[in-house]
Each structure stands twice: as structure tokens, then as C-alpha cells.
Amino acid sequence: MIGGDGSLDAIAQRVRAIVADIAGVDPASVAEHTPLFDAEDGAGAWALDSLDSLKLALALAEEYGLDDDPEIDYQHLQTVREIAQYIHGLHPGGES
């Protein structure tokens, strides 16, 4: 369930905070378009690992009431913005 205004920017801000918590950094240091997982060229990636991916999936499931969908591979959603767009697409207009 998406609370608050449910806007894409609000979701991205919350995803950024979750990622920062997992990475142990300040949310302001997590850019929306920087790859979170190992990029092929390694450029600018946070290089979160599979355990971090699981933590992220669990946190997002709890935060947004997402079902445990085995088809969702968060490592293919590489950036904060991509994850936020995915979540926003599940609940357009902030509907729950």
C-alpha cells in the first residue's frame, strides 16, 4: 500500500532511504540513477550484493504491501528510479 501522496518522487525518496539504510550511508548520497548492483562495467555502481537485494525486496514488500512475487528480480531494477517507477506502476495515482 502506498501512503502519503504516492507520487513517483515520494516513492523514489522512500526507496532511496531504504537503500541508504541497507548500505549504511546518508540518503543524500544515493543518486536516483546510479546502479545499485554490480554493473557490467562497474562504473558508479553501489555494488550491493544478493543479501542486500533480499533485504531490499523484504523492505519494499513491507513498505508497499507487495506480494512475494518470485518473478520480481530487483537486480534487474538497477536504480532507485527504476524501482520507484515499478512500484508506482503497480499503484498508479497512489491508490492502494
PDB file of N, CA and C in Angstrom:
ATOM      1  N   MET A   1       0.856  -1.173   0.000  1.00  0.00           N
ATOM      2  CA  MET A   1       0.000   0.000   0.000  1.00  0.00           C
ATOM      3  C   MET A   1       0.895   1.227   0.000  1.00  0.00           C
ATOM      4  N   ILE A   2       0.560   2.165  -0.850  1.00  0.00           N
ATOM      5  CA  ILE A   2       1.339   3.391  -0.939  1.00  0.00           C
ATOM      6  C   ILE A   2       0.663   4.460  -0.105  1.00  0.00           C
ATOM      7  N   GLY A   3       1.407   4.946   0.878  1.00  0.00           N
ATOM      8  CA  GLY A   3       0.870   6.005   1.725  1.00  0.00           C
ATOM      9  C   GLY A   3       1.334   7.354   1.229  1.00  0.00           C
ATOM     10  N   GLY A   4       0.997   8.379   1.949  1.00  0.00           N
ATOM     11  CA  GLY A   4       1.406   9.731   1.579  1.00  0.00           C
ATOM     12  C   GLY A   4       0.791  10.137   0.261  1.00  0.00           C
ATOM     13  N   ASP A   5       1.543  10.946  -0.515  1.00  0.00           N
ATOM     14  CA  ASP A   5       0.980  11.402  -1.775  1.00  0.00           C
ATOM     15  C   ASP A   5       1.115  10.364  -2.882  1.00  0.00           C
ATOM     16  N   GLY A   6       1.942   9.341  -2.712  1.00  0.00           N
ATOM     17  CA  GLY A   6       2.054   8.268  -3.687  1.00  0.00           C
ATOM     18  C   GLY A   6       2.678   8.692  -5.005  1.00  0.00           C
ATOM     19  N   SER A   7       3.252   9.894  -5.037  1.00  0.00           N
ATOM     20  CA  SER A   7       3.876  10.365  -6.274  1.00  0.00           C
ATOM     21  C   SER A   7       5.156   9.575  -6.529  1.00  0.00           C
ATOM     22  N   LEU A   8       5.564   9.577  -7.779  1.00  0.00           N
ATOM     23  CA  LEU A   8       6.804   8.903  -8.151  1.00  0.00           C
ATOM     24  C   LEU A   8       7.979   9.452  -7.355  1.00  0.00           C
ATOM     25  N   ASP A   9       8.035  10.762  -7.188  1.00  0.00           N
ATOM     26  CA  ASP A   9       9.138  11.367  -6.434  1.00  0.00           C
ATOM     27  C   ASP A   9       9.122  10.950  -4.963  1.00  0.00           C
ATOM     28  N   ALA A  10       7.931  10.859  -4.369  1.00  0.00           N
ATOM     29  CA  ALA A  10       7.829  10.439  -2.971  1.00  0.00           C
ATOM     30  C   ALA A  10       8.266   8.986  -2.814  1.00  0.00           C
ATOM     31  N   ILE A  11       7.882   8.149  -3.763  1.00  0.00           N
ATOM     32  CA  ILE A  11       8.289   6.747  -3.710  1.00  0.00           C
ATOM     33  C   ILE A  11       9.801   6.648  -3.875  1.00  0.00           C
ATOM     34  N   ALA A  12      10.355   7.394  -4.824  1.00  0.00           N
ATOM     35  CA  ALA A  12      11.803   7.380  -5.043  1.00  0.00           C
ATOM     36  C   ALA A  12      12.549   7.832  -3.790  1.00  0.00           C
ATOM     37  N   GLN A  13      12.026   8.837  -3.105  1.00  0.00           N
ATOM     38  CA  GLN A  13      12.657   9.315  -1.872  1.00  0.00           C
ATOM     39  C   GLN A  13      12.663   8.212  -0.813  1.00  0.00           C
ATOM     40  N   ARG A  14      11.568   7.490  -0.694  1.00  0.00           N
ATOM     41  CA  ARG A  14      11.489   6.412   0.296  1.00  0.00           C
ATOM     42  C   ARG A  14      12.402   5.247  -0.088  1.00  0.00           C
ATOM     43  N   VAL A  15      12.429   4.894  -1.376  1.00  0.00           N
ATOM     44  CA  VAL A  15      13.327   3.823  -1.842  1.00  0.00           C
ATOM     45  C   VAL A  15      14.776   4.221  -1.563  1.00  0.00           C
ATOM     46  N   ARG A  16      15.109   5.496  -1.823  1.00  0.00           N
ATOM     47  CA  ARG A  16      16.463   5.985  -1.552  1.00  0.00           C
ATOM     48  C   ARG A  16      16.814   5.816  -0.077  1.00  0.00           C
ATOM     49  N   ALA A  17      15.864   6.114   0.806  1.00  0.00           N
ATOM     50  CA  ALA A  17      16.113   5.975   2.248  1.00  0.00           C
ATOM     51  C   ALA A  17      16.326   4.508   2.628  1.00  0.00           C
ATOM     52  N   ILE A  18      15.562   3.614   2.023  1.00  0.00           N
ATOM     53  CA  ILE A  18      15.724   2.183   2.306  1.00  0.00           C
ATOM     54  C   ILE A  18      17.088   1.702   1.834  1.00  0.00           C
ATOM     55  N   VAL A  19      17.474   2.079   0.622  1.00  0.00           N
ATOM     56  CA  VAL A  19      18.781   1.694   0.083  1.00  0.00           C
ATOM     57  C   VAL A  19      19.904   2.244   0.963  1.00  0.00           C
ATOM     58  N   ALA A  20      19.776   3.488   1.378  1.00  0.00           N
ATOM     59  CA  ALA A  20      20.798   4.100   2.233  1.00  0.00           C
ATOM     60  C   ALA A  20      20.930   3.352   3.545  1.00  0.00           C
ATOM     61  N   ASP A  21      19.801   2.939   4.113  1.00  0.00           N
ATOM     62  CA  ASP A  21      19.832   2.184   5.360  1.00  0.00           C
ATOM     63  C   ASP A  21      20.573   0.859   5.168  1.00  0.00           C
ATOM     64  N   ILE A  22      20.287   0.178   4.066  1.00  0.00           N
ATOM     65  CA  ILE A  22      20.947  -1.104   3.772  1.00  0.00           C
ATOM     66  C   ILE A  22      22.445  -0.896   3.557  1.00  0.00           C
ATOM     67  N   ALA A  23      22.806   0.171   2.837  1.00  0.00           N
ATOM     68  CA  ALA A  23      24.211   0.434   2.517  1.00  0.00           C
ATOM     69  C   ALA A  23      24.961   1.120   3.654  1.00  0.00           C
ATOM     70  N   GLY A  24      24.218   1.628   4.644  1.00  0.00           N
ATOM     71  CA  GLY A  24      24.854   2.303   5.763  1.00  0.00           C
ATOM     72  C   GLY A  24      25.410   3.668   5.402  1.00  0.00           C
ATOM     73  N   VAL A  25      24.674   4.389   4.536  1.00  0.00           N
ATOM     74  CA  VAL A  25      25.127   5.714   4.108  1.00  0.00           C
ATOM     75  C   VAL A  25      23.994   6.728   4.271  1.00  0.00           C
ATOM     76  N   ASP A  26      24.316   7.985   4.062  1.00  0.00           N
ATOM     77  CA  ASP A  26      23.326   9.056   4.103  1.00  0.00           C
ATOM     78  C   ASP A  26      22.458   8.974   2.843  1.00  0.00           C
ATOM     79  N   PRO A  27      21.133   9.081   2.986  1.00  0.00           N
ATOM     80  CA  PRO A  27      20.260   9.024   1.805  1.00  0.00           C
ATOM     81  C   PRO A  27      20.616  10.038   0.721  1.00  0.00           C
ATOM     82  N   ALA A  28      21.144  11.182   1.109  1.00  0.00           N
ATOM     83  CA  ALA A  28      21.510  12.202   0.123  1.00  0.00           C
ATOM     84  C   ALA A  28      22.626  11.732  -0.803  1.00  0.00           C
ATOM     85  N   SER A  29      23.380  10.723  -0.379  1.00  0.00           N
ATOM     86  CA  SER A  29      24.486  10.235  -1.204  1.00  0.00           C
ATOM     87  C   SER A  29      24.040   9.190  -2.225  1.00  0.00           C
ATOM     88  N   VAL A  30      22.779   8.779  -2.169  1.00  0.00           N
ATOM     89  CA  VAL A  30      22.259   7.761  -3.097  1.00  0.00           C
ATOM     90  C   VAL A  30      21.544   8.482  -4.245  1.00  0.00           C
ATOM     91  N   ALA A  31      22.183   8.524  -5.394  1.00  0.00           N
ATOM     92  CA  ALA A  31      21.590   9.172  -6.568  1.00  0.00           C
ATOM     93  C   ALA A  31      20.554   8.242  -7.196  1.00  0.00           C
ATOM     94  N   GLU A  32      19.502   8.831  -7.741  1.00  0.00           N
ATOM     95  CA  GLU A  32      18.400   8.051  -8.307  1.00  0.00           C
ATOM     96  C   GLU A  32      18.801   7.211  -9.503  1.00  0.00           C
ATOM     97  N   HIS A  33      19.814   7.617 -10.244  1.00  0.00           N
ATOM     98  CA  HIS A  33      20.144   6.926 -11.482  1.00  0.00           C
ATOM     99  C   HIS A  33      21.452   6.137 -11.415  1.00  0.00           C
ATOM    100  N   THR A  34      22.047   6.024 -10.229  1.00  0.00           N
ATOM    101  CA  THR A  34      23.265   5.245 -10.070  1.00  0.00           C
ATOM    102  C   THR A  34      22.894   3.779  -9.869  1.00  0.00           C
ATOM    103  N   PRO A  35      23.521   2.872 -10.627  1.00  0.00           N
ATOM    104  CA  PRO A  35      23.223   1.446 -10.441  1.00  0.00           C
ATOM    105  C   PRO A  35      23.483   1.007  -9.000  1.00  0.00           C
ATOM    106  N   LEU A  36      22.548   0.250  -8.467  1.00  0.00           N
ATOM    107  CA  LEU A  36      22.673  -0.222  -7.090  1.00  0.00           C
ATOM    108  C   LEU A  36      23.469  -1.518  -7.013  1.00  0.00           C
ATOM    109  N   PHE A  37      23.391  -2.311  -8.065  1.00  0.00           N
ATOM    110  CA  PHE A  37      24.028  -3.617  -8.083  1.00  0.00           C
ATOM    111  C   PHE A  37      25.196  -3.582  -9.059  1.00  0.00           C
ATOM    112  N   ASP A  38      25.986  -4.636  -9.073  1.00  0.00           N
ATOM    113  CA  ASP A  38      27.151  -4.675  -9.948  1.00  0.00           C
ATOM    114  C   ASP A  38      26.760  -4.401 -11.390  1.00  0.00           C
ATOM    115  N   ALA A  39      27.277  -3.317 -11.925  1.00  0.00           N
ATOM    116  CA  ALA A  39      27.083  -3.003 -13.344  1.00  0.00           C
ATOM    117  C   ALA A  39      28.158  -3.745 -14.126  1.00  0.00           C
ATOM    118  N   GLU A  40      27.869  -4.017 -15.389  1.00  0.00           N
ATOM    119  CA  GLU A  40      28.841  -4.749 -16.202  1.00  0.00           C
ATOM    120  C   GLU A  40      30.194  -4.058 -16.225  1.00  0.00           C
ATOM    121  N   ASP A  41      30.173  -2.743 -16.339  1.00  0.00           N
ATOM    122  CA  ASP A  41      31.444  -2.015 -16.378  1.00  0.00           C
ATOM    123  C   ASP A  41      31.894  -1.561 -14.989  1.00  0.00           C
ATOM    124  N   GLY A  42      31.032  -1.775 -13.976  1.00  0.00           N
ATOM    125  CA  GLY A  42      31.367  -1.407 -12.609  1.00  0.00           C
ATOM    126  C   GLY A  42      31.337   0.083 -12.334  1.00  0.00           C
ATOM    127  N   ALA A  43      31.013   0.866 -13.358  1.00  0.00           N
ATOM    128  CA  ALA A  43      31.056   2.317 -13.221  1.00  0.00           C
ATOM    129  C   ALA A  43      29.933   2.829 -12.337  1.00  0.00           C
ATOM    130  N   GLY A  44      30.316   3.473 -11.253  1.00  0.00           N
ATOM    131  CA  GLY A  44      29.358   4.162 -10.406  1.00  0.00           C
ATOM    132  C   GLY A  44      28.402   3.281  -9.637  1.00  0.00           C
ATOM    133  N   ALA A  45      28.582   1.979  -9.678  1.00  0.00           N
ATOM    134  CA  ALA A  45      27.649   1.083  -9.006  1.00  0.00           C
ATOM    135  C   ALA A  45      27.907   1.035  -7.504  1.00  0.00           C
ATOM    136  N   TRP A  46      26.824   0.929  -6.747  1.00  0.00           N
ATOM    137  CA  TRP A  46      26.939   0.752  -5.297  1.00  0.00           C
ATOM    138  C   TRP A  46      27.413  -0.656  -4.985  1.00  0.00           C
ATOM    139  N   ALA A  47      27.236  -1.575  -5.910  1.00  0.00           N
ATOM    140  CA  ALA A  47      27.671  -2.967  -5.775  1.00  0.00           C
ATOM    141  C   ALA A  47      27.023  -3.663  -4.580  1.00  0.00           C
ATOM    142  N   LEU A  48      25.724  -3.432  -4.401  1.00  0.00           N
ATOM    143  CA  LEU A  48      25.004  -4.195  -3.394  1.00  0.00           C
ATOM    144  C   LEU A  48      24.993  -5.657  -3.828  1.00  0.00           C
ATOM    145  N   ASP A  49      25.046  -6.569  -2.871  1.00  0.00           N
ATOM    146  CA  ASP A  49      25.123  -7.981  -3.217  1.00  0.00           C
ATOM    147  C   ASP A  49      23.759  -8.659  -3.113  1.00  0.00           C
ATOM    148  N   SER A  50      23.741  -9.982  -3.257  1.00  0.00           N
ATOM    149  CA  SER A  50      22.472 -10.713  -3.257  1.00  0.00           C
ATOM    150  C   SER A  50      21.770 -10.631  -1.901  1.00  0.00           C
ATOM    151  N   LEU A  51      22.516 -10.586  -0.816  1.00  0.00           N
ATOM    152  CA  LEU A  51      21.900 -10.428   0.504  1.00  0.00           C
ATOM    153  C   LEU A  51      21.257  -9.051   0.615  1.00  0.00           C
ATOM    154  N   ASP A  52      21.940  -8.038   0.102  1.00  0.00           N
ATOM    155  CA  ASP A  52      21.369  -6.683   0.092  1.00  0.00           C
ATOM    156  C   ASP A  52      20.108  -6.646  -0.771  1.00  0.00           C
ATOM    157  N   SER A  53      20.133  -7.372  -1.882  1.00  0.00           N
ATOM    158  CA  SER A  53      18.965  -7.446  -2.762  1.00  0.00           C
ATOM    159  C   SER A  53      17.778  -8.048  -2.016  1.00  0.00           C
ATOM    160  N   LEU A  54      18.029  -9.084  -1.239  1.00  0.00           N
ATOM    161  CA  LEU A  54      16.974  -9.709  -0.441  1.00  0.00           C
ATOM    162  C   LEU A  54      16.456  -8.737   0.615  1.00  0.00           C
ATOM    163  N   LYS A  55      17.356  -8.041   1.290  1.00  0.00           N
ATOM    164  CA  LYS A  55      16.944  -7.044   2.287  1.00  0.00           C
ATOM    165  C   LYS A  55      16.085  -5.964   1.647  1.00  0.00           C
ATOM    166  N   LEU A  56      16.488  -5.527   0.456  1.00  0.00           N
ATOM    167  CA  LEU A  56      15.733  -4.505  -0.262  1.00  0.00           C
ATOM    168  C   LEU A  56      14.349  -5.021  -0.625  1.00  0.00           C
ATOM    169  N   ALA A  57      14.288  -6.234  -1.143  1.00  0.00           N
ATOM    170  CA  ALA A  57      12.999  -6.823  -1.528  1.00  0.00           C
ATOM    171  C   ALA A  57      12.068  -6.941  -0.326  1.00  0.00           C
ATOM    172  N   LEU A  58      12.599  -7.387   0.799  1.00  0.00           N
ATOM    173  CA  LEU A  58      11.780  -7.532   2.012  1.00  0.00           C
ATOM    174  C   LEU A  58      11.303  -6.177   2.528  1.00  0.00           C
ATOM    175  N   ALA A  59      12.193  -5.198   2.516  1.00  0.00           N
ATOM    176  CA  ALA A  59      11.816  -3.861   2.987  1.00  0.00           C
ATOM    177  C   ALA A  59      10.754  -3.237   2.086  1.00  0.00           C
ATOM    178  N   LEU A  60      10.901  -3.404   0.783  1.00  0.00           N
ATOM    179  CA  LEU A  60       9.913  -2.859  -0.147  1.00  0.00           C
ATOM    180  C   LEU A  60       8.585  -3.588  -0.026  1.00  0.00           C
ATOM    181  N   ALA A  61       8.643  -4.894   0.186  1.00  0.00           N
ATOM    182  CA  ALA A  61       7.410  -5.663   0.370  1.00  0.00           C
ATOM    183  C   ALA A  61       6.665  -5.191   1.606  1.00  0.00           C
ATOM    184  N   GLU A  62       7.405  -4.948   2.681  1.00  0.00           N
ATOM    185  CA  GLU A  62       6.778  -4.474   3.919  1.00  0.00           C
ATOM    186  C   GLU A  62       6.256  -3.046   3.760  1.00  0.00           C
ATOM    187  N   GLU A  63       7.055  -2.191   3.139  1.00  0.00           N
ATOM    188  CA  GLU A  63       6.695  -0.779   2.987  1.00  0.00           C
ATOM    189  C   GLU A  63       5.483  -0.574   2.078  1.00  0.00           C
ATOM    190  N   TYR A  64       5.429  -1.344   0.996  1.00  0.00           N
ATOM    191  CA  TYR A  64       4.404  -1.107  -0.019  1.00  0.00           C
ATOM    192  C   TYR A  64       3.397  -2.237  -0.170  1.00  0.00           C
ATOM    193  N   GLY A  65       3.449  -3.222   0.725  1.00  0.00           N
ATOM    194  CA  GLY A  65       2.482  -4.302   0.681  1.00  0.00           C
ATOM    195  C   GLY A  65       2.584  -5.144  -0.575  1.00  0.00           C
ATOM    196  N   LEU A  66       3.789  -5.248  -1.117  1.00  0.00           N
ATOM    197  CA  LEU A  66       3.982  -6.042  -2.326  1.00  0.00           C
ATOM    198  C   LEU A  66       3.908  -7.522  -1.977  1.00  0.00           C
ATOM    199  N   ASP A  67       3.264  -8.266  -2.830  1.00  0.00           N
ATOM    200  CA  ASP A  67       3.237  -9.704  -2.653  1.00  0.00           C
ATOM    201  C   ASP A  67       4.630 -10.251  -2.904  1.00  0.00           C
ATOM    202  N   ASP A  68       4.902 -11.405  -2.345  1.00  0.00           N
ATOM    203  CA  ASP A  68       6.183 -12.059  -2.579  1.00  0.00           C
ATOM    204  C   ASP A  68       6.120 -12.699  -3.964  1.00  0.00           C
ATOM    205  N   ASP A  69       6.456 -11.919  -4.975  1.00  0.00           N
ATOM    206  CA  ASP A  69       6.364 -12.357  -6.358  1.00  0.00           C
ATOM    207  C   ASP A  69       7.728 -12.842  -6.829  1.00  0.00           C
ATOM    208  N   PRO A  70       7.867 -14.147  -7.076  1.00  0.00           N
ATOM    209  CA  PRO A  70       9.173 -14.670  -7.498  1.00  0.00           C
ATOM    210  C   PRO A  70       9.604 -14.158  -8.868  1.00  0.00           C
ATOM    211  N   GLU A  71       8.686 -13.569  -9.619  1.00  0.00           N
ATOM    212  CA  GLU A  71       9.022 -13.024 -10.931  1.00  0.00           C
ATOM    213  C   GLU A  71       9.760 -11.691 -10.825  1.00  0.00           C
ATOM    214  N   ILE A  72       9.688 -11.047  -9.660  1.00  0.00           N
ATOM    215  CA  ILE A  72      10.371  -9.769  -9.483  1.00  0.00           C
ATOM    216  C   ILE A  72      11.835 -10.047  -9.172  1.00  0.00           C
ATOM    217  N   ASP A  73      12.704  -9.532 -10.000  1.00  0.00           N
ATOM    218  CA  ASP A  73      14.133  -9.665  -9.769  1.00  0.00           C
ATOM    219  C   ASP A  73      14.681  -8.254  -9.590  1.00  0.00           C
ATOM    220  N   TYR A  74      14.866  -7.862  -8.339  1.00  0.00           N
ATOM    221  CA  TYR A  74      15.293  -6.497  -8.064  1.00  0.00           C
ATOM    222  C   TYR A  74      16.658  -6.182  -8.648  1.00  0.00           C
ATOM    223  N   GLN A  75      17.448  -7.210  -8.962  1.00  0.00           N
ATOM    224  CA  GLN A  75      18.731  -6.927  -9.580  1.00  0.00           C
ATOM    225  C   GLN A  75      18.563  -6.503 -11.034  1.00  0.00           C
ATOM    226  N   HIS A  76      17.367  -6.686 -11.621  1.00  0.00           N
ATOM    227  CA  HIS A  76      17.110  -6.167 -12.963  1.00  0.00           C
ATOM    228  C   HIS A  76      16.505  -4.764 -12.900  1.00  0.00           C
ATOM    229  N   LEU A  77      16.074  -4.362 -11.737  1.00  0.00           N
ATOM    230  CA  LEU A  77      15.672  -2.983 -11.493  1.00  0.00           C
ATOM    231  C   LEU A  77      16.895  -2.338 -10.863  1.00  0.00           C
ATOM    232  N   GLN A  78      17.711  -1.714 -11.677  1.00  0.00           N
ATOM    233  CA  GLN A  78      19.065  -1.343 -11.271  1.00  0.00           C
ATOM    234  C   GLN A  78      19.205  -0.055 -10.478  1.00  0.00           C
ATOM    235  N   THR A  79      18.236   0.838 -10.554  1.00  0.00           N
ATOM    236  CA  THR A  79      18.403   2.139  -9.908  1.00  0.00           C
ATOM    237  C   THR A  79      17.209   2.445  -9.001  1.00  0.00           C
ATOM    238  N   VAL A  80      17.399   3.413  -8.133  1.00  0.00           N
ATOM    239  CA  VAL A  80      16.304   3.868  -7.270  1.00  0.00           C
ATOM    240  C   VAL A  80      15.118   4.282  -8.139  1.00  0.00           C
ATOM    241  N   ARG A  81      15.384   5.005  -9.212  1.00  0.00           N
ATOM    242  CA  ARG A  81      14.304   5.494 -10.071  1.00  0.00           C
ATOM    243  C   ARG A  81      13.548   4.339 -10.727  1.00  0.00           C
ATOM    244  N   GLU A  82      14.270   3.319 -11.210  1.00  0.00           N
ATOM    245  CA  GLU A  82      13.610   2.168 -11.839  1.00  0.00           C
ATOM    246  C   GLU A  82      12.720   1.431 -10.839  1.00  0.00           C
ATOM    247  N   ILE A  83      13.203   1.276  -9.626  1.00  0.00           N
ATOM    248  CA  ILE A  83      12.411   0.605  -8.589  1.00  0.00           C
ATOM    249  C   ILE A  83      11.175   1.433  -8.268  1.00  0.00           C
ATOM    250  N   ALA A  84      11.361   2.742  -8.128  1.00  0.00           N
ATOM    251  CA  ALA A  84      10.225   3.622  -7.829  1.00  0.00           C
ATOM    252  C   ALA A  84       9.199   3.585  -8.961  1.00  0.00           C
ATOM    253  N   GLN A  85       9.664   3.574 -10.202  1.00  0.00           N
ATOM    254  CA  GLN A  85       8.746   3.509 -11.342  1.00  0.00           C
ATOM    255  C   GLN A  85       7.969   2.194 -11.338  1.00  0.00           C
ATOM    256  N   TYR A  86       8.646   1.109 -10.995  1.00  0.00           N
ATOM    257  CA  TYR A  86       7.984  -0.190 -10.923  1.00  0.00           C
ATOM    258  C   TYR A  86       6.873  -0.157  -9.861  1.00  0.00           C
ATOM    259  N   ILE A  87       7.198   0.328  -8.674  1.00  0.00           N
ATOM    260  CA  ILE A  87       6.221   0.391  -7.580  1.00  0.00           C
ATOM    261  C   ILE A  87       5.084   1.332  -7.951  1.00  0.00           C
ATOM    262  N   HIS A  88       5.402   2.483  -8.505  1.00  0.00           N
ATOM    263  CA  HIS A  88       4.389   3.464  -8.906  1.00  0.00           C
ATOM    264  C   HIS A  88       3.457   2.857  -9.953  1.00  0.00           C
ATOM    265  N   GLY A  89       4.002   2.052 -10.848  1.00  0.00           N
ATOM    266  CA  GLY A  89       3.207   1.402 -11.879  1.00  0.00           C
ATOM    267  C   GLY A  89       2.220   0.394 -11.317  1.00  0.00           C
ATOM    268  N   LEU A  90       2.550  -0.177 -10.165  1.00  0.00           N
ATOM    269  CA  LEU A  90       1.633  -1.124  -9.511  1.00  0.00           C
ATOM    270  C   LEU A  90       0.478  -0.413  -8.848  1.00  0.00           C
ATOM    271  N   HIS A  91       0.696   0.834  -8.448  1.00  0.00           N
ATOM    272  CA  HIS A  91      -0.288   1.624  -7.734  1.00  0.00           C
ATOM    273  C   HIS A  91      -0.391   3.014  -8.338  1.00  0.00           C
ATOM    274  N   PRO A  92      -0.802   3.117  -9.613  1.00  0.00           N
ATOM    275  CA  PRO A  92      -0.833   4.449 -10.220  1.00  0.00           C
ATOM    276  C   PRO A  92      -1.728   5.414  -9.464  1.00  0.00           C
ATOM    277  N   GLY A  93      -1.280   6.629  -9.382  1.00  0.00           N
ATOM    278  CA  GLY A  93      -2.050   7.661  -8.683  1.00  0.00           C
ATOM    279  C   GLY A  93      -2.047   7.512  -7.191  1.00  0.00           C
ATOM    280  N   GLY A  94      -1.160   6.627  -6.668  1.00  0.00           N
ATOM    281  CA  GLY A  94      -1.081   6.449  -5.225  1.00  0.00           C
ATOM    282  C   GLY A  94      -2.188   5.601  -4.653  1.00  0.00           C
ATOM    283  N   GLU A  95      -2.931   4.903  -5.508  1.00  0.00           N
ATOM    284  CA  GLU A  95      -4.009   4.049  -4.998  1.00  0.00           C
ATOM    285  C   GLU A  95      -3.405   2.825  -4.357  1.00  0.00           C
ATOM    286  N   SER A  96      -4.084   2.274  -3.381  1.00  0.00           N
ATOM    287  CA  SER A  96      -3.593   1.076  -2.725  1.00  0.00           C
ATOM    288  C   SER A  96      -4.318  -0.125  -3.216  1.00  0.00           C
TER     289      SER A  96
END
